[in-house]
PDB file of N, CA and C in Angstrom:
ATOM      1  N   MET A   1      11.033   9.540  -4.176  1.00  0.00           N
ATOM      2  CA  MET A   1      11.094   8.470  -3.157  1.00  0.00           C
ATOM      3  C   MET A   1      11.682   9.064  -1.877  1.00  0.00           C
ATOM      4  N   LEU A   2      11.336   8.477  -0.753  1.00  0.00           N
ATOM      5  CA  LEU A   2      11.833   8.971   0.500  1.00  0.00           C
ATOM      6  C   LEU A   2      13.253   8.374   0.753  1.00  0.00           C
ATOM      7  N   THR A   3      14.049   9.094   1.435  1.00  0.00           N
ATOM      8  CA  THR A   3      15.340   8.630   1.783  1.00  0.00           C
ATOM      9  C   THR A   3      15.263   7.627   3.053  1.00  0.00           C
ATOM     10  N   ASN A   4      16.269   6.893   3.186  1.00  0.00           N
ATOM     11  CA  ASN A   4      16.276   5.953   4.375  1.00  0.00           C
ATOM     12  C   ASN A   4      16.309   6.656   5.646  1.00  0.00           C
ATOM     13  N   ALA A   5      16.722   7.870   5.683  1.00  0.00           N
ATOM     14  CA  ALA A   5      16.794   8.678   6.916  1.00  0.00           C
ATOM     15  C   ALA A   5      15.451   9.245   7.251  1.00  0.00           C
ATOM     16  N   ASP A   6      14.473   9.258   6.312  1.00  0.00           N
ATOM     17  CA  ASP A   6      13.150   9.868   6.570  1.00  0.00           C
ATOM     18  C   ASP A   6      12.332   8.981   7.519  1.00  0.00           C
ATOM     19  N   PRO A   7      11.908   9.450   8.657  1.00  0.00           N
ATOM     20  CA  PRO A   7      11.203   8.634   9.596  1.00  0.00           C
ATOM     21  C   PRO A   7       9.880   8.091   9.054  1.00  0.00           C
ATOM     22  N   ARG A   8       9.357   8.749   8.074  1.00  0.00           N
ATOM     23  CA  ARG A   8       8.053   8.289   7.484  1.00  0.00           C
ATOM     24  C   ARG A   8       8.321   6.954   6.759  1.00  0.00           C
ATOM     25  N   LEU A   9       9.404   6.716   6.214  1.00  0.00           N
ATOM     26  CA  LEU A   9       9.685   5.421   5.542  1.00  0.00           C
ATOM     27  C   LEU A   9       9.595   4.299   6.507  1.00  0.00           C
ATOM     28  N   ALA A  10      10.207   4.491   7.702  1.00  0.00           N
ATOM     29  CA  ALA A  10      10.149   3.409   8.710  1.00  0.00           C
ATOM     30  C   ALA A  10       8.682   3.168   9.136  1.00  0.00           C
ATOM     31  N   ILE A  11       7.852   4.159   9.180  1.00  0.00           N
ATOM     32  CA  ILE A  11       6.459   3.974   9.539  1.00  0.00           C
ATOM     33  C   ILE A  11       5.739   3.245   8.453  1.00  0.00           C
ATOM     34  N   ILE A  12       5.985   3.584   7.208  1.00  0.00           N
ATOM     35  CA  ILE A  12       5.332   2.950   6.046  1.00  0.00           C
ATOM     36  C   ILE A  12       5.734   1.433   6.050  1.00  0.00           C
ATOM     37  N   LYS A  13       7.000   1.147   6.234  1.00  0.00           N
ATOM     38  CA  LYS A  13       7.455  -0.233   6.205  1.00  0.00           C
ATOM     39  C   LYS A  13       6.853  -1.026   7.365  1.00  0.00           C
ATOM     40  N   ALA A  14       6.814  -0.440   8.524  1.00  0.00           N
ATOM     41  CA  ALA A  14       6.283  -1.095   9.701  1.00  0.00           C
ATOM     42  C   ALA A  14       4.832  -1.514   9.495  1.00  0.00           C
ATOM     43  N   ILE A  15       4.021  -0.621   8.890  1.00  0.00           N
ATOM     44  CA  ILE A  15       2.632  -0.998   8.677  1.00  0.00           C
ATOM     45  C   ILE A  15       2.507  -2.016   7.599  1.00  0.00           C
ATOM     46  N   ILE A  16       3.176  -1.862   6.527  1.00  0.00           N
ATOM     47  CA  ILE A  16       3.016  -2.809   5.362  1.00  0.00           C
ATOM     48  C   ILE A  16       3.552  -4.154   5.723  1.00  0.00           C
ATOM     49  N   GLN A  17       4.597  -4.232   6.484  1.00  0.00           N
ATOM     50  CA  GLN A  17       5.182  -5.533   6.807  1.00  0.00           C
ATOM     51  C   GLN A  17       4.643  -6.188   8.054  1.00  0.00           C
ATOM     52  N   SER A  18       3.694  -5.492   8.727  1.00  0.00           N
ATOM     53  CA  SER A  18       3.149  -6.001   9.926  1.00  0.00           C
ATOM     54  C   SER A  18       2.073  -7.137   9.568  1.00  0.00           C
ATOM     55  N   ALA A  19       1.903  -8.016  10.474  1.00  0.00           N
ATOM     56  CA  ALA A  19       0.864  -9.053  10.203  1.00  0.00           C
ATOM     57  C   ALA A  19      -0.470  -8.495   9.909  1.00  0.00           C
ATOM     58  N   ASP A  20      -0.866  -7.397  10.549  1.00  0.00           N
ATOM     59  CA  ASP A  20      -2.128  -6.805  10.260  1.00  0.00           C
ATOM     60  C   ASP A  20      -2.141  -6.146   8.873  1.00  0.00           C
ATOM     61  N   GLY A  21      -1.015  -5.530   8.546  1.00  0.00           N
ATOM     62  CA  GLY A  21      -0.916  -4.850   7.246  1.00  0.00           C
ATOM     63  C   GLY A  21      -1.030  -5.849   6.096  1.00  0.00           C
ATOM     64  N   ILE A  22      -0.332  -7.003   6.258  1.00  0.00           N
ATOM     65  CA  ILE A  22      -0.358  -8.050   5.265  1.00  0.00           C
ATOM     66  C   ILE A  22      -1.805  -8.566   5.144  1.00  0.00           C
ATOM     67  N   LYS A  23      -2.424  -8.834   6.244  1.00  0.00           N
ATOM     68  CA  LYS A  23      -3.752  -9.364   6.276  1.00  0.00           C
ATOM     69  C   LYS A  23      -4.686  -8.366   5.529  1.00  0.00           C
ATOM     70  N   ARG A  24      -4.514  -7.046   5.795  1.00  0.00           N
ATOM     71  CA  ARG A  24      -5.375  -6.091   5.141  1.00  0.00           C
ATOM     72  C   ARG A  24      -5.159  -6.044   3.583  1.00  0.00           C
ATOM     73  N   MET A  25      -3.881  -6.063   3.246  1.00  0.00           N
ATOM     74  CA  MET A  25      -3.521  -6.013   1.770  1.00  0.00           C
ATOM     75  C   MET A  25      -4.103  -7.256   1.069  1.00  0.00           C
ATOM     76  N   VAL A  26      -4.007  -8.417   1.673  1.00  0.00           N
ATOM     77  CA  VAL A  26      -4.470  -9.678   1.091  1.00  0.00           C
ATOM     78  C   VAL A  26      -6.005  -9.644   1.022  1.00  0.00           C
ATOM     79  N   LEU A  27      -6.644  -9.076   2.109  1.00  0.00           N
ATOM     80  CA  LEU A  27      -8.134  -9.023   2.020  1.00  0.00           C
ATOM     81  C   LEU A  27      -8.595  -8.091   0.883  1.00  0.00           C
ATOM     82  N   ALA A  28      -7.929  -6.964   0.738  1.00  0.00           N
ATOM     83  CA  ALA A  28      -8.288  -6.046  -0.345  1.00  0.00           C
ATOM     84  C   ALA A  28      -8.120  -6.717  -1.706  1.00  0.00           C
ATOM     85  N   THR A  29      -7.005  -7.451  -1.843  1.00  0.00           N
ATOM     86  CA  THR A  29      -6.749  -8.217  -3.070  1.00  0.00           C
ATOM     87  C   THR A  29      -7.800  -9.205  -3.320  1.00  0.00           C
ATOM     88  N   SER A  30      -8.279  -9.916  -2.309  1.00  0.00           N
ATOM     89  CA  SER A  30      -9.308 -10.869  -2.470  1.00  0.00           C
ATOM     90  C   SER A  30     -10.628 -10.301  -2.931  1.00  0.00           C
ATOM     91  N   LYS A  31     -10.809  -9.069  -2.705  1.00  0.00           N
ATOM     92  CA  LYS A  31     -12.036  -8.363  -3.085  1.00  0.00           C
ATOM     93  C   LYS A  31     -11.850  -7.698  -4.410  1.00  0.00           C
ATOM     94  N   GLY A  32     -10.705  -7.847  -5.088  1.00  0.00           N
ATOM     95  CA  GLY A  32     -10.390  -7.180  -6.369  1.00  0.00           C
ATOM     96  C   GLY A  32      -9.983  -5.738  -6.275  1.00  0.00           C
ATOM     97  N   HIS A  33      -9.642  -5.260  -5.097  1.00  0.00           N
ATOM     98  CA  HIS A  33      -9.310  -3.906  -4.915  1.00  0.00           C
ATOM     99  C   HIS A  33      -7.737  -3.729  -4.959  1.00  0.00           C
ATOM    100  N   PRO A  34      -7.247  -2.512  -5.146  1.00  0.00           N
ATOM    101  CA  PRO A  34      -5.795  -2.360  -4.984  1.00  0.00           C
ATOM    102  C   PRO A  34      -5.350  -2.802  -3.570  1.00  0.00           C
ATOM    103  N   ALA A  35      -4.223  -3.426  -3.517  1.00  0.00           N
ATOM    104  CA  ALA A  35      -3.674  -3.885  -2.243  1.00  0.00           C
ATOM    105  C   ALA A  35      -3.461  -2.666  -1.291  1.00  0.00           C
ATOM    106  N   LEU A  36      -2.996  -1.545  -1.851  1.00  0.00           N
ATOM    107  CA  LEU A  36      -2.848  -0.371  -1.077  1.00  0.00           C
ATOM    108  C   LEU A  36      -4.065   0.082  -0.285  1.00  0.00           C
ATOM    109  N   SER A  37      -5.273  -0.215  -0.869  1.00  0.00           N
ATOM    110  CA  SER A  37      -6.525   0.220  -0.221  1.00  0.00           C
ATOM    111  C   SER A  37      -6.633  -0.450   1.094  1.00  0.00           C
ATOM    112  N   GLY A  38      -6.052  -1.621   1.328  1.00  0.00           N
ATOM    113  CA  GLY A  38      -6.118  -2.316   2.588  1.00  0.00           C
ATOM    114  C   GLY A  38      -5.459  -1.580   3.676  1.00  0.00           C
ATOM    115  N   VAL A  39      -4.404  -0.838   3.412  1.00  0.00           N
ATOM    116  CA  VAL A  39      -3.630  -0.195   4.412  1.00  0.00           C
ATOM    117  C   VAL A  39      -3.675   1.373   4.317  1.00  0.00           C
ATOM    118  N   ASP A  40      -4.387   1.851   3.361  1.00  0.00           N
ATOM    119  CA  ASP A  40      -4.492   3.284   3.101  1.00  0.00           C
ATOM    120  C   ASP A  40      -4.855   4.072   4.382  1.00  0.00           C
ATOM    121  N   GLU A  41      -5.912   3.606   5.063  1.00  0.00           N
ATOM    122  CA  GLU A  41      -6.331   4.356   6.325  1.00  0.00           C
ATOM    123  C   GLU A  41      -5.288   4.306   7.355  1.00  0.00           C
ATOM    124  N   CYS A  42      -4.641   3.121   7.526  1.00  0.00           N
ATOM    125  CA  CYS A  42      -3.615   2.939   8.497  1.00  0.00           C
ATOM    126  C   CYS A  42      -2.410   3.903   8.234  1.00  0.00           C
ATOM    127  N   LEU A  43      -2.015   3.958   6.980  1.00  0.00           N
ATOM    128  CA  LEU A  43      -0.956   4.811   6.570  1.00  0.00           C
ATOM    129  C   LEU A  43      -1.214   6.330   6.858  1.00  0.00           C
ATOM    130  N   GLY A  44      -2.460   6.681   6.480  1.00  0.00           N
ATOM    131  CA  GLY A  44      -2.906   8.071   6.761  1.00  0.00           C
ATOM    132  C   GLY A  44      -2.906   8.431   8.274  1.00  0.00           C
ATOM    133  N   ALA A  45      -3.416   7.486   9.104  1.00  0.00           N
ATOM    134  CA  ALA A  45      -3.459   7.683  10.506  1.00  0.00           C
ATOM    135  C   ALA A  45      -2.003   7.806  11.100  1.00  0.00           C
ATOM    136  N   ALA A  46      -1.066   7.011  10.596  1.00  0.00           N
ATOM    137  CA  ALA A  46       0.275   6.919  11.113  1.00  0.00           C
ATOM    138  C   ALA A  46       1.144   8.066  10.696  1.00  0.00           C
ATOM    139  N   THR A  47       0.962   8.594   9.479  1.00  0.00           N
ATOM    140  CA  THR A  47       1.798   9.600   8.951  1.00  0.00           C
ATOM    141  C   THR A  47       1.165  10.925   8.987  1.00  0.00           C
ATOM    142  N   GLY A  48      -0.063  11.021   9.400  1.00  0.00           N
ATOM    143  CA  GLY A  48      -0.804  12.317   9.479  1.00  0.00           C
ATOM    144  C   GLY A  48      -1.018  12.943   8.194  1.00  0.00           C
ATOM    145  N   SER A  49      -1.021  14.263   8.144  1.00  0.00           N
ATOM    146  CA  SER A  49      -1.381  14.986   6.985  1.00  0.00           C
ATOM    147  C   SER A  49      -0.349  14.758   5.883  1.00  0.00           C
ATOM    148  N   ASP A  50       0.804  14.296   6.124  1.00  0.00           N
ATOM    149  CA  ASP A  50       1.867  14.014   5.100  1.00  0.00           C
ATOM    150  C   ASP A  50       1.328  13.016   4.047  1.00  0.00           C
ATOM    151  N   TYR A  51       0.637  12.090   4.512  1.00  0.00           N
ATOM    152  CA  TYR A  51       0.146  11.020   3.533  1.00  0.00           C
ATOM    153  C   TYR A  51      -0.844  11.680   2.537  1.00  0.00           C
ATOM    154  N   ILE A  52      -1.591  12.657   2.984  1.00  0.00           N
ATOM    155  CA  ILE A  52      -2.531  13.272   2.064  1.00  0.00           C
ATOM    156  C   ILE A  52      -1.854  14.364   1.274  1.00  0.00           C
ATOM    157  N   SER A  53      -1.010  15.147   1.824  1.00  0.00           N
ATOM    158  CA  SER A  53      -0.425  16.324   1.164  1.00  0.00           C
ATOM    159  C   SER A  53       0.842  16.087   0.418  1.00  0.00           C
ATOM    160  N   ASP A  54       1.529  15.002   0.720  1.00  0.00           N
ATOM    161  CA  ASP A  54       2.881  14.783   0.150  1.00  0.00           C
ATOM    162  C   ASP A  54       2.845  13.592  -0.822  1.00  0.00           C
ATOM    163  N   GLY A  55       2.937  13.930  -2.117  1.00  0.00           N
ATOM    164  CA  GLY A  55       2.853  12.838  -3.143  1.00  0.00           C
ATOM    165  C   GLY A  55       3.982  11.840  -2.994  1.00  0.00           C
ATOM    166  N   ALA A  56       5.122  12.261  -2.471  1.00  0.00           N
ATOM    167  CA  ALA A  56       6.265  11.399  -2.314  1.00  0.00           C
ATOM    168  C   ALA A  56       5.952  10.258  -1.271  1.00  0.00           C
ATOM    169  N   VAL A  57       5.199  10.620  -0.249  1.00  0.00           N
ATOM    170  CA  VAL A  57       4.857   9.693   0.809  1.00  0.00           C
ATOM    171  C   VAL A  57       3.871   8.649   0.243  1.00  0.00           C
ATOM    172  N   ARG A  58       2.877   9.073  -0.517  1.00  0.00           N
ATOM    173  CA  ARG A  58       1.922   8.167  -1.157  1.00  0.00           C
ATOM    174  C   ARG A  58       2.633   7.309  -2.195  1.00  0.00           C
ATOM    175  N   ALA A  59       3.516   7.846  -2.965  1.00  0.00           N
ATOM    176  CA  ALA A  59       4.241   7.056  -3.987  1.00  0.00           C
ATOM    177  C   ALA A  59       5.083   6.034  -3.322  1.00  0.00           C
ATOM    178  N   GLU A  60       5.755   6.407  -2.235  1.00  0.00           N
ATOM    179  CA  GLU A  60       6.600   5.433  -1.506  1.00  0.00           C
ATOM    180  C   GLU A  60       5.675   4.315  -0.959  1.00  0.00           C
ATOM    181  N   ALA A  61       4.536   4.667  -0.404  1.00  0.00           N
ATOM    182  CA  ALA A  61       3.670   3.600   0.096  1.00  0.00           C
ATOM    183  C   ALA A  61       3.278   2.632  -0.978  1.00  0.00           C
ATOM    184  N   GLY A  62       2.847   3.231  -2.100  1.00  0.00           N
ATOM    185  CA  GLY A  62       2.438   2.347  -3.246  1.00  0.00           C
ATOM    186  C   GLY A  62       3.519   1.500  -3.715  1.00  0.00           C
ATOM    187  N   PHE A  63       4.735   1.956  -3.815  1.00  0.00           N
ATOM    188  CA  PHE A  63       5.898   1.222  -4.248  1.00  0.00           C
ATOM    189  C   PHE A  63       6.148   0.056  -3.213  1.00  0.00           C
ATOM    190  N   ARG A  64       6.108   0.375  -1.927  1.00  0.00           N
ATOM    191  CA  ARG A  64       6.477  -0.677  -0.920  1.00  0.00           C
ATOM    192  C   ARG A  64       5.344  -1.646  -0.808  1.00  0.00           C
ATOM    193  N   VAL A  65       4.131  -1.244  -1.024  1.00  0.00           N
ATOM    194  CA  VAL A  65       2.983  -2.271  -1.004  1.00  0.00           C
ATOM    195  C   VAL A  65       3.221  -3.236  -2.190  1.00  0.00           C
ATOM    196  N   ALA A  66       3.510  -2.686  -3.370  1.00  0.00           N
ATOM    197  CA  ALA A  66       3.682  -3.540  -4.567  1.00  0.00           C
ATOM    198  C   ALA A  66       4.891  -4.434  -4.367  1.00  0.00           C
ATOM    199  N   GLN A  67       5.962  -3.949  -3.803  1.00  0.00           N
ATOM    200  CA  GLN A  67       7.119  -4.742  -3.504  1.00  0.00           C
ATOM    201  C   GLN A  67       6.800  -5.926  -2.559  1.00  0.00           C
ATOM    202  N   GLU A  68       6.044  -5.616  -1.490  1.00  0.00           N
ATOM    203  CA  GLU A  68       5.681  -6.617  -0.531  1.00  0.00           C
ATOM    204  C   GLU A  68       4.758  -7.726  -1.190  1.00  0.00           C
ATOM    205  N   MET A  69       3.809  -7.250  -1.993  1.00  0.00           N
ATOM    206  CA  MET A  69       2.916  -8.231  -2.577  1.00  0.00           C
ATOM    207  C   MET A  69       3.687  -9.116  -3.567  1.00  0.00           C
ATOM    208  N   LYS A  70       4.607  -8.564  -4.303  1.00  0.00           N
ATOM    209  CA  LYS A  70       5.384  -9.423  -5.248  1.00  0.00           C
ATOM    210  C   LYS A  70       6.296 -10.351  -4.467  1.00  0.00           C
ATOM    211  N   GLU A  71       6.866  -9.912  -3.376  1.00  0.00           N
ATOM    212  CA  GLU A  71       7.688 -10.827  -2.530  1.00  0.00           C
ATOM    213  C   GLU A  71       6.852 -12.029  -2.012  1.00  0.00           C
ATOM    214  N   MET A  72       5.561 -11.730  -1.779  1.00  0.00           N
ATOM    215  CA  MET A  72       4.717 -12.872  -1.328  1.00  0.00           C
ATOM    216  C   MET A  72       4.196 -13.767  -2.436  1.00  0.00           C
ATOM    217  N   GLY A  73       4.589 -13.411  -3.669  1.00  0.00           N
ATOM    218  CA  GLY A  73       4.222 -14.224  -4.782  1.00  0.00           C
ATOM    219  C   GLY A  73       2.960 -13.814  -5.578  1.00  0.00           C
ATOM    220  N   PHE A  74       2.400 -12.647  -5.172  1.00  0.00           N
ATOM    221  CA  PHE A  74       1.199 -12.167  -5.919  1.00  0.00           C
ATOM    222  C   PHE A  74       1.636 -11.563  -7.280  1.00  0.00           C
ATOM    223  N   ILE A  75       0.678 -11.598  -8.156  1.00  0.00           N
ATOM    224  CA  ILE A  75       0.990 -11.163  -9.558  1.00  0.00           C
ATOM    225  C   ILE A  75       0.221  -9.873  -9.846  1.00  0.00           C
ATOM    226  N   GLU A  76       0.951  -8.839 -10.293  1.00  0.00           N
ATOM    227  CA  GLU A  76       0.342  -7.614 -10.607  1.00  0.00           C
ATOM    228  C   GLU A  76      -0.478  -7.781 -11.939  1.00  0.00           C
ATOM    229  N   VAL A  77      -1.781  -7.357 -11.887  1.00  0.00           N
ATOM    230  CA  VAL A  77      -2.630  -7.477 -13.040  1.00  0.00           C
ATOM    231  C   VAL A  77      -3.060  -6.186 -13.695  1.00  0.00           C
ATOM    232  N   ARG A  78      -3.120  -5.113 -12.916  1.00  0.00           N
ATOM    233  CA  ARG A  78      -3.493  -3.828 -13.498  1.00  0.00           C
ATOM    234  C   ARG A  78      -3.327  -2.699 -12.460  1.00  0.00           C
ATOM    235  N   VAL A  79      -3.509  -1.530 -12.960  1.00  0.00           N
ATOM    236  CA  VAL A  79      -3.664  -0.329 -12.006  1.00  0.00           C
ATOM    237  C   VAL A  79      -5.072   0.057 -12.080  1.00  0.00           C
ATOM    238  N   ASP A  80      -5.590   0.357 -10.923  1.00  0.00           N
ATOM    239  CA  ASP A  80      -7.029   0.708 -10.837  1.00  0.00           C
ATOM    240  C   ASP A  80      -7.278   1.908  -9.884  1.00  0.00           C
ATOM    241  N   ASP A  81      -8.451   2.468  -9.933  1.00  0.00           N
ATOM    242  CA  ASP A  81      -8.718   3.602  -9.029  1.00  0.00           C
ATOM    243  C   ASP A  81      -8.861   3.065  -7.630  1.00  0.00           C
ATOM    244  N   MET A  82      -8.416   3.874  -6.658  1.00  0.00           N
ATOM    245  CA  MET A  82      -8.602   3.574  -5.318  1.00  0.00           C
ATOM    246  C   MET A  82     -10.088   3.832  -4.972  1.00  0.00           C
ATOM    247  N   PRO A  83     -10.541   3.159  -3.840  1.00  0.00           N
ATOM    248  CA  PRO A  83     -11.883   3.427  -3.379  1.00  0.00           C
ATOM    249  C   PRO A  83     -12.068   4.932  -3.009  1.00  0.00           C
ATOM    250  N   HIS A  84     -13.316   5.377  -3.120  1.00  0.00           N
ATOM    251  CA  HIS A  84     -13.691   6.764  -2.802  1.00  0.00           C
ATOM    252  C   HIS A  84     -13.233   7.085  -1.307  1.00  0.00           C
ATOM    253  N   GLY A  85     -12.587   8.194  -1.171  1.00  0.00           N
ATOM    254  CA  GLY A  85     -12.185   8.616   0.160  1.00  0.00           C
ATOM    255  C   GLY A  85     -10.736   8.286   0.464  1.00  0.00           C
ATOM    256  N   SER A  86     -10.045   7.543  -0.390  1.00  0.00           N
ATOM    257  CA  SER A  86      -8.637   7.186  -0.228  1.00  0.00           C
ATOM    258  C   SER A  86      -7.775   8.419  -0.550  1.00  0.00           C
ATOM    259  N   ALA A  87      -6.685   8.518   0.159  1.00  0.00           N
ATOM    260  CA  ALA A  87      -5.807   9.585  -0.143  1.00  0.00           C
ATOM    261  C   ALA A  87      -5.066   9.413  -1.475  1.00  0.00           C
ATOM    262  N   ALA A  88      -4.734   8.087  -1.800  1.00  0.00           N
ATOM    263  CA  ALA A  88      -4.105   7.813  -3.104  1.00  0.00           C
ATOM    264  C   ALA A  88      -5.211   7.759  -4.154  1.00  0.00           C
ATOM    265  N   HIS A  89      -4.928   8.024  -5.381  1.00  0.00           N
ATOM    266  CA  HIS A  89      -5.928   7.979  -6.484  1.00  0.00           C
ATOM    267  C   HIS A  89      -5.937   6.645  -7.191  1.00  0.00           C
ATOM    268  N   LYS A  90      -4.761   6.106  -7.499  1.00  0.00           N
ATOM    269  CA  LYS A  90      -4.635   4.841  -8.251  1.00  0.00           C
ATOM    270  C   LYS A  90      -3.631   4.016  -7.625  1.00  0.00           C
ATOM    271  N   ALA A  91      -3.768   2.664  -7.760  1.00  0.00           N
ATOM    272  CA  ALA A  91      -2.758   1.735  -7.197  1.00  0.00           C
ATOM    273  C   ALA A  91      -2.904   0.460  -7.888  1.00  0.00           C
ATOM    274  N   LYS A  92      -1.902  -0.423  -7.700  1.00  0.00           N
ATOM    275  CA  LYS A  92      -1.815  -1.680  -8.358  1.00  0.00           C
ATOM    276  C   LYS A  92      -2.751  -2.719  -7.708  1.00  0.00           C
ATOM    277  N   VAL A  93      -3.345  -3.463  -8.677  1.00  0.00           N
ATOM    278  CA  VAL A  93      -4.215  -4.619  -8.210  1.00  0.00           C
ATOM    279  C   VAL A  93      -3.460  -5.948  -8.521  1.00  0.00           C
ATOM    280  N   PHE A  94      -3.479  -6.808  -7.564  1.00  0.00           N
ATOM    281  CA  PHE A  94      -2.812  -8.088  -7.702  1.00  0.00           C
ATOM    282  C   PHE A  94      -3.768  -9.262  -7.734  1.00  0.00           C
ATOM    283  N   GLN A  95      -3.256 -10.359  -8.156  1.00  0.00           N
ATOM    284  CA  GLN A  95      -4.087 -11.611  -8.038  1.00  0.00           C
ATOM    285  C   GLN A  95      -3.324 -12.631  -7.285  1.00  0.00           C
ATOM    286  N   PHE A  96      -4.016 -13.552  -6.678  1.00  0.00           N
ATOM    287  CA  PHE A  96      -3.374 -14.617  -5.874  1.00  0.00           C
ATOM    288  C   PHE A  96      -2.473 -15.423  -6.816  1.00  0.00           C
ATOM    289  N   PRO A  97      -1.407 -15.870  -6.283  1.00  0.00           N
ATOM    290  CA  PRO A  97      -0.412 -16.700  -7.167  1.00  0.00           C
ATOM    291  C   PRO A  97      -1.020 -18.039  -7.510  1.00  0.00           C
ATOM    292  N   PRO A  98      -0.653 -18.518  -8.676  1.00  0.00           N
ATOM    293  CA  PRO A  98      -1.192 -19.823  -9.080  1.00  0.00           C
ATOM    294  C   PRO A  98      -0.694 -20.915  -8.101  1.00  0.00           C
ATOM    295  N   ILE A  99      -1.496 -21.961  -7.978  1.00  0.00           N
ATOM    296  CA  ILE A  99      -1.160 -22.988  -7.020  1.00  0.00           C
ATOM    297  C   ILE A  99      -0.282 -24.032  -7.739  1.00  0.00           C
TER     298      ILE A  99
END
């Protein structure tokens, strides 16, 4: 995991917690994809080659996405493959919370 002093952590949090990031994660979830797939491209663009080459950055992103989804009330249902071309290989899939 990344330390709080690592500037990449602030970037990851900013993307995941932004209105656009949340919208992207929920949209991916609505399609049955891992929530991370919604922000994968944004994270790669913002952190550069670190997202592709550093497993700690990808792991932190996956952890933070899962944390955000759970805080919004989504329920983790499985781990699945990420879409072709994603930097991450597998990530958690969530379902909408019961009404």
